[in-house]
Amino acid sequence: MSVKVYHFIGIGGIGVSAVARVLLQQGHSVQGSDVRESQLTEAMRGLGARVTIGHDPELINGADLVVYSTAVPKTNVELVEAKRRGVPCIHRSEALAHALEGLESVGVTGTHGKGTVSAMIAHGLICADLDPTFIIGGLLNQYKVNARVGRMPQAGDSPLTRCLGVAEVDESDGSHLNLNPHYVVVNNIEVDHLNYYDDLDDIVGTMARFINQNPNLKGVAVNCSDAGARSLIERLEPSARALVIRYGSDREALNELELSARALKDEGLRVRFDAYAGEERLGEVCLKTPGSYNAENAMAALSILRALGLSFEQIKSALESYEGLENRFTIREAGGVTIVKDYLSHPTGMRKVLDSAQRFGGNKIWCVFKPYRFTLMRYHANDYAEAFRGADEVLITTMYAANEPAIEGVDTPWFVEQLREAGNVTQLIPDQGDLVPHLQAHVSSGDLVFFFGGDDFFRMADAWADQRLAEV
């Protein structure tokens, strides 16, 4: 292996840090910068990476490669300086491809659930003593990391030695086209990221290219309970279509599925279902992660783990011991109130979470949300309105545009009005700092409060939970 010095711009990002961690553990030299300190920058520094807070052109000194993500603006001083000096600049997805070199790899993609499915597969392989490398955009609760190096190819390895890698593959910006995993999971395809794609047809077509152009392909697991993913199959070339593993839980399509979840029971904190291979009942699986949608996530993992040679008994045991990802339906009990954190910002995923919340009982369901991107609000306003029917009251704060250009007539007050017109009890609280005081004044014992968003929301939710616990 040729050892390189990688410089990561935004090394504290959840996805960027995962790639950096693995490359560092594989023996490369890693350095990087970010705008603020976090548990991820501290963790990278603890592993031996040189991490600087703040951006400076001189930070790229000594770098063989500069790694950036789509979130890094073209005007970033380190990126500009690297290009001026002629230092090769690669996208995070290309660095991910470097980290997976030499491994029999699984790439999990789709609009929702790719982190959970990736984590379930990685956990399954760990439980089977196959020691995988994994690179995931979330912290696995069981392992407290978002990435780690497993067994790597060594000189003199037996032909039977397996070196496996599992990666969450981001489709939001077309960068999945830079990867060629041996196994692919497409969990679902919906309209999203219209800052990059034209429409659903463009998203499906790009996903088809990702699969059709892959020279390493051994298997493609497709969730046929999802209309977008199902439509992908007809866009695949015959050689790729022959490798499709159809899974899902759609009752109308059960006879078309190689693997299916049936007799689903959402018990609030647990989900039970029967796993079938064709018409053969493999057995019951009981997940201790909430959310009925996790049955489909589990079937995605089962599809790949089975293709990799694990028995149903091994897979069942792993799925039933899986403890989830940080901030994916993460529950905290605080002073009589149940606080739930979830990274979702797409209405379909939020609707599924709020549907499952009905099984918890309790009094009132609150939903706290910061809209994300003008394009997502404009296209999905009606879908958000439908999703929020699962809440008794919705609190909306000022949107995060993510550097998107404004769309005339589309802003936070417009979004709130769309929700109200659909019958949702909705309040606009422009200043995010006023959300917790409002909740503190109005929530009652037994209420459920859902925070949908990102790290800033989760820090706020945790601080509020700590405050309530201190008051008990």
Protein backbone atom coordinates (compact mmCIF):
# COMPACT_ATOMS: atom_id res chain seq x y z
CA MET A 1 0.00 0.00 0.00
CA SER A 2 1.29 3.44 -0.93
CA VAL A 3 0.91 5.61 2.19
CA LYS A 4 -0.53 9.05 1.46
CA VAL A 5 -1.21 12.23 3.41
CA TYR A 6 -4.92 13.08 3.20
CA HIS A 7 -6.15 16.56 4.15
CA PHE A 8 -9.89 16.63 4.90
CA ILE A 9 -11.78 19.93 4.71
CA GLY A 10 -14.64 19.61 7.20
CA ILE A 11 -13.11 16.64 9.01
CA GLY A 12 -15.73 16.92 11.77
CA GLY A 13 -18.61 16.03 9.45
CA ILE A 14 -20.26 12.72 10.28
CA GLY A 15 -19.63 11.25 6.83
CA VAL A 16 -16.25 12.85 6.22
CA SER A 17 -14.87 11.81 9.59
CA ALA A 18 -15.94 8.21 8.94
CA VAL A 19 -13.78 8.04 5.79
CA ALA A 20 -10.91 9.84 7.53
CA ARG A 21 -11.02 7.41 10.45
CA VAL A 22 -10.73 4.35 8.22
CA LEU A 23 -7.93 5.76 6.05
CA LEU A 24 -6.04 6.68 9.22
CA GLN A 25 -6.51 3.22 10.69
CA GLN A 26 -5.35 1.73 7.38
CA GLY A 27 -1.99 3.42 7.89
CA HIS A 28 -2.34 6.67 5.95
CA SER A 29 -1.52 10.07 7.45
CA VAL A 30 -4.63 12.19 8.06
CA GLN A 31 -4.99 15.87 8.81
CA GLY A 32 -7.90 18.25 8.46
CA SER A 33 -9.82 21.32 9.49
CA ASP A 34 -13.31 22.32 10.56
CA VAL A 35 -15.15 25.39 11.76
CA ARG A 36 -15.85 24.11 15.28
CA GLU A 37 -14.75 21.53 17.81
CA SER A 38 -16.99 18.47 18.25
CA GLN A 39 -16.86 14.95 19.58
CA LEU A 40 -15.84 13.86 16.07
CA THR A 41 -12.90 16.28 15.77
CA GLU A 42 -11.78 15.30 19.26
CA ALA A 43 -12.04 11.62 18.36
CA MET A 44 -9.97 12.10 15.20
CA ARG A 45 -7.33 14.00 17.15
CA GLY A 46 -7.29 11.20 19.72
CA LEU A 47 -6.53 8.70 16.93
CA GLY A 48 -3.52 10.74 15.84
CA ALA A 49 -4.90 13.02 13.15
CA ARG A 50 -3.76 16.63 13.08
CA VAL A 51 -6.99 18.61 13.37
CA THR A 52 -7.20 22.41 13.23
CA ILE A 53 -10.23 24.53 14.06
CA GLY A 54 -10.60 27.22 11.44
CA HIS A 55 -9.62 27.31 7.77
CA ASP A 56 -6.27 28.53 6.51
CA PRO A 57 -4.52 28.04 3.13
CA GLU A 58 -1.34 26.89 4.84
CA LEU A 59 -3.11 23.93 6.47
CA ILE A 60 -2.79 21.93 3.25
CA ASN A 61 1.02 21.92 3.56
CA GLY A 62 2.35 18.38 3.12
CA ALA A 63 -0.90 16.97 1.73
CA ASP A 64 -0.82 14.50 -1.15
CA LEU A 65 -4.60 14.71 -1.56
CA VAL A 66 -7.18 17.24 -0.42
CA VAL A 67 -10.62 15.80 0.29
CA TYR A 68 -13.78 17.89 0.16
CA SER A 69 -17.51 17.19 0.33
CA THR A 70 -20.34 18.79 -1.61
CA ALA A 71 -21.03 20.93 1.47
CA VAL A 72 -17.63 22.68 1.10
CA PRO A 73 -18.02 25.88 -0.94
CA LYS A 74 -15.79 26.34 -3.97
CA THR A 75 -14.47 29.51 -2.32
CA ASN A 76 -13.05 27.65 0.69
CA VAL A 77 -9.51 29.01 1.13
CA GLU A 78 -7.93 25.56 1.52
CA LEU A 79 -9.63 24.22 -1.61
CA VAL A 80 -8.68 27.31 -3.60
CA GLU A 81 -5.05 27.07 -2.44
CA ALA A 82 -4.85 23.35 -3.22
CA LYS A 83 -6.02 23.96 -6.77
CA ARG A 84 -3.60 26.88 -7.15
CA ARG A 85 -0.69 24.65 -6.09
CA GLY A 86 -1.86 21.72 -8.20
CA VAL A 87 -2.49 19.44 -5.22
CA PRO A 88 -4.99 16.76 -6.34
CA CYS A 89 -8.49 17.44 -4.91
CA ILE A 90 -10.93 14.57 -4.61
CA HIS A 91 -14.54 14.34 -3.50
CA ARG A 92 -15.36 12.49 -0.28
CA SER A 93 -16.89 9.69 -2.37
CA GLU A 94 -13.56 9.14 -4.13
CA ALA A 95 -11.79 8.97 -0.76
CA LEU A 96 -14.44 6.45 0.30
CA ALA A 97 -13.55 4.38 -2.77
CA HIS A 98 -9.89 4.49 -1.66
CA ALA A 99 -10.90 3.23 1.82
CA LEU A 100 -12.80 0.29 0.29
CA GLU A 101 -10.01 -0.82 -2.04
CA GLY A 102 -9.27 -4.54 -1.77
CA LEU A 103 -12.49 -5.28 0.13
CA GLU A 104 -15.58 -7.20 -0.92
CA SER A 105 -17.89 -4.26 -0.41
CA VAL A 106 -21.55 -3.50 0.26
CA GLY A 107 -22.92 -0.06 -0.65
CA VAL A 108 -26.26 0.99 0.83
CA THR A 109 -28.13 3.87 -0.76
CA GLY A 110 -31.62 5.36 -1.05
CA THR A 111 -33.66 8.30 0.21
CA HIS A 112 -34.27 6.90 3.71
CA GLY A 113 -32.79 4.27 5.99
CA LYS A 114 -29.37 3.81 4.40
CA GLY A 115 -27.56 4.50 7.67
CA THR A 116 -29.72 2.02 9.58
CA VAL A 117 -29.41 -0.68 6.92
CA SER A 118 -25.63 -0.19 6.71
CA ALA A 119 -25.39 -0.45 10.50
CA MET A 120 -27.55 -3.60 10.61
CA ILE A 121 -25.37 -5.27 7.96
CA ALA A 122 -22.14 -4.26 9.70
CA HIS A 123 -23.45 -5.51 13.05
CA GLY A 124 -24.54 -8.79 11.45
CA LEU A 125 -21.07 -9.37 10.00
CA ILE A 126 -19.43 -8.51 13.34
CA CYS A 127 -21.70 -10.97 15.15
CA ALA A 128 -20.69 -13.63 12.62
CA ASP A 129 -16.99 -12.97 13.42
CA LEU A 130 -16.32 -11.71 9.88
CA ASP A 131 -14.65 -8.51 11.16
CA PRO A 132 -15.88 -6.02 8.53
CA THR A 133 -14.69 -2.52 7.83
CA PHE A 134 -17.63 -0.12 8.03
CA ILE A 135 -18.09 3.53 7.07
CA ILE A 136 -21.47 4.97 8.07
CA GLY A 137 -22.92 8.47 8.43
CA GLY A 138 -24.01 7.94 12.02
CA LEU A 139 -22.66 6.67 15.33
CA LEU A 140 -23.61 3.07 16.05
CA ASN A 141 -24.93 2.92 19.59
CA GLN A 142 -23.25 -0.43 20.24
CA TYR A 143 -19.79 0.59 19.05
CA LYS A 144 -19.84 4.37 19.72
CA VAL A 145 -18.17 5.06 16.36
CA ASN A 146 -19.26 5.76 12.78
CA ALA A 147 -16.44 3.76 11.21
CA ARG A 148 -13.73 1.23 11.91
CA VAL A 149 -11.20 -0.91 10.06
CA GLY A 150 -11.75 -4.64 10.05
CA ARG A 151 -9.81 -7.45 8.41
CA MET A 152 -7.72 -6.15 5.50
CA PRO A 153 -6.08 -8.20 2.72
CA GLN A 154 -2.64 -9.52 3.64
CA ALA A 155 0.08 -11.17 1.57
CA GLY A 156 -0.27 -14.93 1.80
CA ASP A 157 -4.02 -14.86 2.56
CA SER A 158 -5.90 -18.05 1.75
CA PRO A 159 -8.28 -17.76 -1.23
CA LEU A 160 -11.05 -18.41 1.31
CA THR A 161 -10.13 -15.38 3.44
CA ARG A 162 -12.88 -12.77 3.23
CA CYS A 163 -12.22 -9.08 3.77
CA LEU A 164 -15.54 -7.24 3.83
CA GLY A 165 -16.53 -3.58 3.82
CA VAL A 166 -19.90 -1.91 4.39
CA ALA A 167 -20.54 1.72 3.45
CA GLU A 168 -23.43 4.13 3.45
CA VAL A 169 -23.44 5.58 -0.07
CA ASP A 170 -24.84 9.09 -0.49
CA GLU A 171 -26.90 9.60 -3.62
CA SER A 172 -27.83 13.24 -2.89
CA ASP A 173 -25.30 14.80 -5.27
CA GLY A 174 -24.61 12.05 -7.82
CA SER A 175 -21.33 11.17 -6.16
CA HIS A 176 -22.41 7.52 -5.80
CA LEU A 177 -21.29 7.23 -9.42
CA ASN A 178 -17.70 7.27 -8.10
CA LEU A 179 -18.17 3.91 -6.34
CA ASN A 180 -18.39 0.30 -7.50
CA PRO A 181 -19.46 -1.86 -4.53
CA HIS A 182 -19.89 -5.60 -5.06
CA TYR A 183 -23.34 -5.58 -3.46
CA VAL A 184 -25.80 -2.70 -3.62
CA VAL A 185 -28.90 -2.00 -1.54
CA VAL A 186 -31.49 0.44 -2.87
CA ASN A 187 -33.85 0.89 0.06
CA ASN A 188 -36.16 3.47 -1.54
CA ILE A 189 -36.16 6.29 -4.09
CA GLU A 190 -38.24 9.42 -3.63
CA VAL A 191 -38.09 13.00 -4.81
CA ASP A 192 -35.36 14.72 -2.83
CA HIS A 193 -32.28 16.90 -3.40
CA LEU A 194 -33.88 18.92 -6.18
CA ASN A 195 -30.96 21.31 -5.82
CA TYR A 196 -29.04 18.64 -7.77
CA TYR A 197 -31.64 16.53 -9.63
CA ASP A 198 -34.31 17.66 -12.07
CA ASP A 199 -37.05 15.29 -10.93
CA LEU A 200 -37.77 11.69 -9.89
CA ASP A 201 -36.95 10.37 -13.36
CA ASP A 202 -33.49 11.94 -13.12
CA ILE A 203 -32.95 10.38 -9.67
CA VAL A 204 -33.98 6.91 -10.86
CA GLY A 205 -31.95 7.23 -14.05
CA THR A 206 -28.81 8.22 -12.15
CA MET A 207 -29.30 5.30 -9.75
CA ALA A 208 -29.60 2.99 -12.77
CA ARG A 209 -26.31 4.35 -14.11
CA PHE A 210 -24.68 3.71 -10.72
CA ILE A 211 -25.67 0.04 -10.95
CA ASN A 212 -25.36 -0.58 -14.70
CA GLN A 213 -21.81 0.80 -14.97
CA ASN A 214 -20.53 -1.19 -11.97
CA PRO A 215 -18.00 -3.85 -13.13
CA ASN A 216 -17.85 -5.47 -9.65
CA LEU A 217 -21.56 -6.14 -9.22
CA LYS A 218 -22.56 -9.43 -7.57
CA GLY A 219 -26.00 -8.57 -6.19
CA VAL A 220 -28.58 -5.76 -5.97
CA ALA A 221 -31.16 -5.79 -3.15
CA VAL A 222 -34.17 -3.63 -4.08
CA ASN A 223 -37.08 -2.70 -1.81
CA CYS A 224 -40.05 -3.56 -4.00
CA SER A 225 -42.47 -2.11 -1.44
CA ASP A 226 -41.24 1.31 -2.58
CA ALA A 227 -42.56 2.53 -5.94
CA GLY A 228 -39.44 4.49 -6.84
CA ALA A 229 -37.07 1.62 -6.06
CA ARG A 230 -39.35 -0.81 -7.87
CA SER A 231 -39.31 1.37 -11.01
CA LEU A 232 -35.52 1.19 -10.97
CA ILE A 233 -35.54 -2.49 -11.90
CA GLU A 234 -36.91 -1.87 -15.38
CA ARG A 235 -34.11 0.65 -16.00
CA LEU A 236 -31.41 -1.94 -15.28
CA GLU A 237 -29.55 -3.74 -18.02
CA PRO A 238 -30.32 -7.48 -18.27
CA SER A 239 -27.03 -8.50 -16.64
CA ALA A 240 -27.75 -6.29 -13.60
CA ARG A 241 -31.45 -7.19 -13.50
CA ALA A 242 -30.51 -10.85 -13.20
CA LEU A 243 -28.71 -10.03 -9.93
CA VAL A 244 -31.70 -8.31 -8.27
CA ILE A 245 -32.90 -9.59 -4.88
CA ARG A 246 -36.46 -8.33 -4.37
CA TYR A 247 -37.43 -7.69 -0.74
CA GLY A 248 -40.16 -5.79 1.06
CA SER A 249 -43.41 -6.00 2.97
CA ASP A 250 -46.02 -4.94 0.42
CA ARG A 251 -48.91 -7.41 0.70
CA GLU A 252 -49.88 -6.95 -2.95
CA ALA A 253 -46.39 -7.92 -4.11
CA LEU A 254 -45.59 -10.78 -1.73
CA ASN A 255 -45.62 -13.40 -4.48
CA GLU A 256 -43.01 -11.37 -6.40
CA LEU A 257 -40.59 -11.06 -3.49
CA GLU A 258 -37.64 -13.31 -2.79
CA LEU A 259 -37.64 -12.10 0.83
CA SER A 260 -40.51 -10.50 2.72
CA ALA A 261 -41.62 -9.29 6.14
CA ARG A 262 -45.11 -10.49 7.08
CA ALA A 263 -47.41 -10.42 10.10
CA LEU A 264 -45.86 -7.10 11.18
CA LYS A 265 -46.62 -5.98 14.75
CA ASP A 266 -45.60 -2.50 15.88
CA GLU A 267 -45.43 -2.65 19.68
CA GLY A 268 -44.09 0.86 20.22
CA LEU A 269 -40.60 0.21 21.51
CA ARG A 270 -40.36 -3.09 19.61
CA VAL A 271 -41.27 -4.36 16.16
CA ARG A 272 -42.06 -8.00 15.35
CA PHE A 273 -42.43 -9.65 11.98
CA ASP A 274 -42.15 -13.02 10.29
CA ALA A 275 -39.35 -13.32 7.72
CA TYR A 276 -40.14 -15.30 4.57
CA ALA A 277 -38.02 -16.58 1.69
CA GLY A 278 -40.59 -16.96 -1.05
CA GLU A 279 -43.39 -18.88 0.66
CA GLU A 280 -41.05 -20.47 3.22
CA ARG A 281 -41.37 -19.00 6.71
CA LEU A 282 -37.85 -18.55 8.06
CA GLY A 283 -38.95 -17.44 11.53
CA GLU A 284 -39.95 -14.47 13.67
CA VAL A 285 -37.67 -11.48 14.18
CA CYS A 286 -38.17 -9.07 17.10
CA LEU A 287 -36.34 -5.74 16.74
CA LYS A 288 -35.72 -3.65 19.83
CA THR A 289 -35.55 -0.48 17.76
CA PRO A 290 -38.87 1.40 17.43
CA GLY A 291 -40.54 2.20 14.11
CA SER A 292 -42.46 -0.26 11.93
CA TYR A 293 -40.42 0.90 8.90
CA ASN A 294 -37.44 -0.85 10.48
CA ALA A 295 -38.96 -4.16 9.36
CA GLU A 296 -38.12 -3.19 5.77
CA ASN A 297 -34.67 -1.97 6.86
CA ALA A 298 -34.12 -5.34 8.53
CA MET A 299 -35.22 -7.20 5.39
CA ALA A 300 -32.69 -5.19 3.38
CA ALA A 301 -29.95 -6.28 5.79
CA LEU A 302 -31.21 -9.86 5.73
CA SER A 303 -31.08 -9.87 1.92
CA ILE A 304 -27.40 -8.94 1.83
CA LEU A 305 -26.30 -10.99 4.84
CA ARG A 306 -27.98 -14.04 3.31
CA ALA A 307 -26.22 -13.34 -0.01
CA LEU A 308 -22.92 -13.21 1.90
CA GLY A 309 -23.59 -16.68 3.30
CA LEU A 310 -24.96 -16.09 6.80
CA SER A 311 -27.66 -18.44 8.07
CA PHE A 312 -31.07 -17.15 9.12
CA GLU A 313 -30.25 -18.04 12.73
CA GLN A 314 -27.12 -15.85 12.61
CA ILE A 315 -29.03 -12.99 10.99
CA LYS A 316 -31.98 -13.21 13.40
CA SER A 317 -29.65 -13.14 16.40
CA ALA A 318 -27.81 -10.09 15.04
CA LEU A 319 -30.95 -8.15 14.15
CA GLU A 320 -32.47 -8.82 17.55
CA SER A 321 -29.35 -7.52 19.32
CA TYR A 322 -28.99 -4.42 17.12
CA GLU A 323 -29.24 -1.23 19.20
CA GLY A 324 -29.64 1.42 16.53
CA LEU A 325 -27.89 4.60 15.43
CA GLU A 326 -27.49 7.78 17.42
CA ASN A 327 -30.30 10.26 16.74
CA ARG A 328 -32.47 7.84 14.77
CA PHE A 329 -35.68 7.56 16.82
CA THR A 330 -33.50 8.10 19.89
CA ILE A 331 -35.63 8.32 23.04
CA ARG A 332 -34.95 10.19 26.28
CA GLU A 333 -37.33 10.23 29.24
CA ALA A 334 -37.08 13.54 31.08
CA GLY A 335 -39.31 14.65 33.90
CA GLY A 336 -42.39 12.81 32.68
CA VAL A 337 -41.93 13.86 29.03
CA THR A 338 -40.66 11.56 26.28
CA ILE A 339 -38.20 13.40 24.02
CA VAL A 340 -37.36 11.83 20.65
CA LYS A 341 -34.51 12.90 18.37
CA ASP A 342 -34.49 11.96 14.69
CA TYR A 343 -32.26 13.14 11.86
CA LEU A 344 -35.07 12.96 9.30
CA SER A 345 -36.06 15.98 7.23
CA HIS A 346 -37.94 14.23 4.39
CA PRO A 347 -41.74 14.03 4.94
CA THR A 348 -42.14 10.34 4.11
CA GLY A 349 -39.70 9.29 6.81
CA MET A 350 -41.21 11.74 9.29
CA ARG A 351 -44.70 10.40 8.59
CA LYS A 352 -43.53 6.85 9.31
CA VAL A 353 -41.92 7.91 12.58
CA LEU A 354 -45.03 9.79 13.71
CA ASP A 355 -47.26 6.88 12.68
CA SER A 356 -45.25 4.60 14.95
CA ALA A 357 -45.49 7.18 17.74
CA GLN A 358 -49.22 6.49 17.93
CA ARG A 359 -48.34 3.07 19.45
CA PHE A 360 -46.66 4.73 22.43
CA GLY A 361 -49.88 5.91 24.00
CA GLY A 362 -49.36 8.97 26.16
CA ASN A 363 -51.10 12.29 25.92
CA LYS A 364 -50.13 14.84 23.30
CA ILE A 365 -47.62 14.47 20.44
CA TRP A 366 -45.56 17.56 19.64
CA CYS A 367 -43.41 17.91 16.53
CA VAL A 368 -40.57 20.45 16.37
CA PHE A 369 -39.10 21.05 12.92
CA LYS A 370 -36.81 23.41 11.05
CA PRO A 371 -37.63 23.29 7.32
CA TYR A 372 -34.70 22.45 5.07
CA ARG A 373 -34.12 23.90 1.59
CA PHE A 374 -36.51 25.96 -0.56
CA THR A 375 -36.84 23.16 -3.13
CA LEU A 376 -37.84 20.57 -0.54
CA MET A 377 -40.47 22.90 0.97
CA ARG A 378 -41.98 23.85 -2.38
CA TYR A 379 -42.15 20.34 -3.79
CA HIS A 380 -43.21 18.54 -0.59
CA ALA A 381 -45.42 21.09 1.21
CA ASN A 382 -48.50 18.84 0.88
CA ASP A 383 -46.49 15.79 1.95
CA TYR A 384 -45.29 17.61 5.08
CA ALA A 385 -48.87 18.60 5.82
CA GLU A 386 -49.92 14.96 5.60
CA ALA A 387 -46.95 13.77 7.68
CA PHE A 388 -47.72 16.19 10.50
CA ARG A 389 -51.24 14.79 10.89
CA GLY A 390 -49.51 12.34 13.22
CA ALA A 391 -48.83 15.20 15.67
CA ASP A 392 -51.24 17.17 17.85
CA GLU A 393 -49.20 20.35 17.60
CA VAL A 394 -46.37 21.42 15.31
CA LEU A 395 -43.72 24.05 16.08
CA ILE A 396 -41.84 25.46 13.09
CA THR A 397 -38.76 27.65 13.29
CA THR A 398 -36.98 29.60 10.56
CA MET A 399 -35.80 27.40 7.70
CA TYR A 400 -32.24 26.43 6.85
CA ALA A 401 -31.61 27.20 3.18
CA ALA A 402 -28.26 25.34 2.86
CA ASN A 403 -26.99 27.98 0.41
CA GLU A 404 -29.88 27.38 -1.99
CA PRO A 405 -31.11 30.40 -3.93
CA ALA A 406 -34.47 31.69 -2.74
CA ILE A 407 -37.66 30.73 -4.56
CA GLU A 408 -40.13 33.58 -4.86
CA GLY A 409 -43.11 33.11 -2.56
CA VAL A 410 -41.56 30.16 -0.70
CA ASP A 411 -40.37 30.89 2.82
CA THR A 412 -41.04 29.80 6.40
CA PRO A 413 -44.32 31.76 6.87
CA TRP A 414 -45.60 30.35 3.56
CA PHE A 415 -44.71 26.84 4.71
CA VAL A 416 -46.51 27.33 8.03
CA GLU A 417 -49.61 28.53 6.19
CA GLN A 418 -49.61 25.40 4.01
CA LEU A 419 -49.60 23.26 7.15
CA ARG A 420 -52.40 25.27 8.74
CA GLU A 421 -54.58 25.15 5.64
CA ALA A 422 -54.32 21.35 5.75
CA GLY A 423 -55.69 21.36 9.31
CA ASN A 424 -52.47 21.06 11.32
CA VAL A 425 -52.25 23.01 14.55
CA THR A 426 -49.04 24.89 13.77
CA GLN A 427 -47.13 27.71 15.42
CA LEU A 428 -44.30 29.68 13.88
CA ILE A 429 -41.50 30.40 16.37
CA PRO A 430 -38.95 32.32 14.25
CA ASP A 431 -36.12 32.29 16.79
CA GLN A 432 -34.92 28.74 17.42
CA GLY A 433 -33.84 29.77 20.91
CA ASP A 434 -37.48 30.32 21.84
CA LEU A 435 -38.55 26.73 21.11
CA VAL A 436 -37.56 25.16 24.42
CA PRO A 437 -39.07 27.93 26.59
CA HIS A 438 -42.33 27.50 24.66
CA LEU A 439 -42.25 23.73 25.15
CA GLN A 440 -41.34 24.05 28.81
CA ALA A 441 -44.35 26.29 29.34
CA HIS A 442 -46.85 24.12 27.47
CA VAL A 443 -45.94 20.42 27.56
CA SER A 444 -47.51 18.18 30.18
CA SER A 445 -46.48 14.95 31.82
CA GLY A 446 -47.02 12.06 29.42
CA ASP A 447 -46.47 14.12 26.27
CA LEU A 448 -44.14 13.04 23.43
CA VAL A 449 -41.94 15.69 21.80
CA PHE A 450 -40.22 14.92 18.49
CA PHE A 451 -37.23 16.97 17.34
CA PHE A 452 -36.62 16.48 13.61
CA GLY A 453 -33.45 18.07 12.30
CA GLY A 454 -29.71 18.15 12.78
CA ASP A 455 -27.05 18.46 15.43
CA ASP A 456 -28.12 21.92 16.61
CA PHE A 457 -31.63 20.59 17.32
CA PHE A 458 -30.24 17.55 19.11
CA ARG A 459 -28.00 19.64 21.34
CA MET A 460 -31.03 21.75 22.20
CA ALA A 461 -33.15 18.67 22.92
CA ASP A 462 -30.45 17.13 25.13
CA ALA A 463 -29.96 20.37 27.06
CA TRP A 464 -33.71 20.57 27.68
CA ALA A 465 -33.81 16.91 28.79
CA ASP A 466 -30.91 17.56 31.19
CA GLN A 467 -32.69 20.62 32.54
CA ARG A 468 -35.90 18.69 33.18
CA LEU A 469 -34.04 15.85 34.87
CA ALA A 470 -32.21 18.33 37.13
CA GLU A 471 -35.56 19.80 38.17
CA VAL A 472 -37.00 16.45 39.27
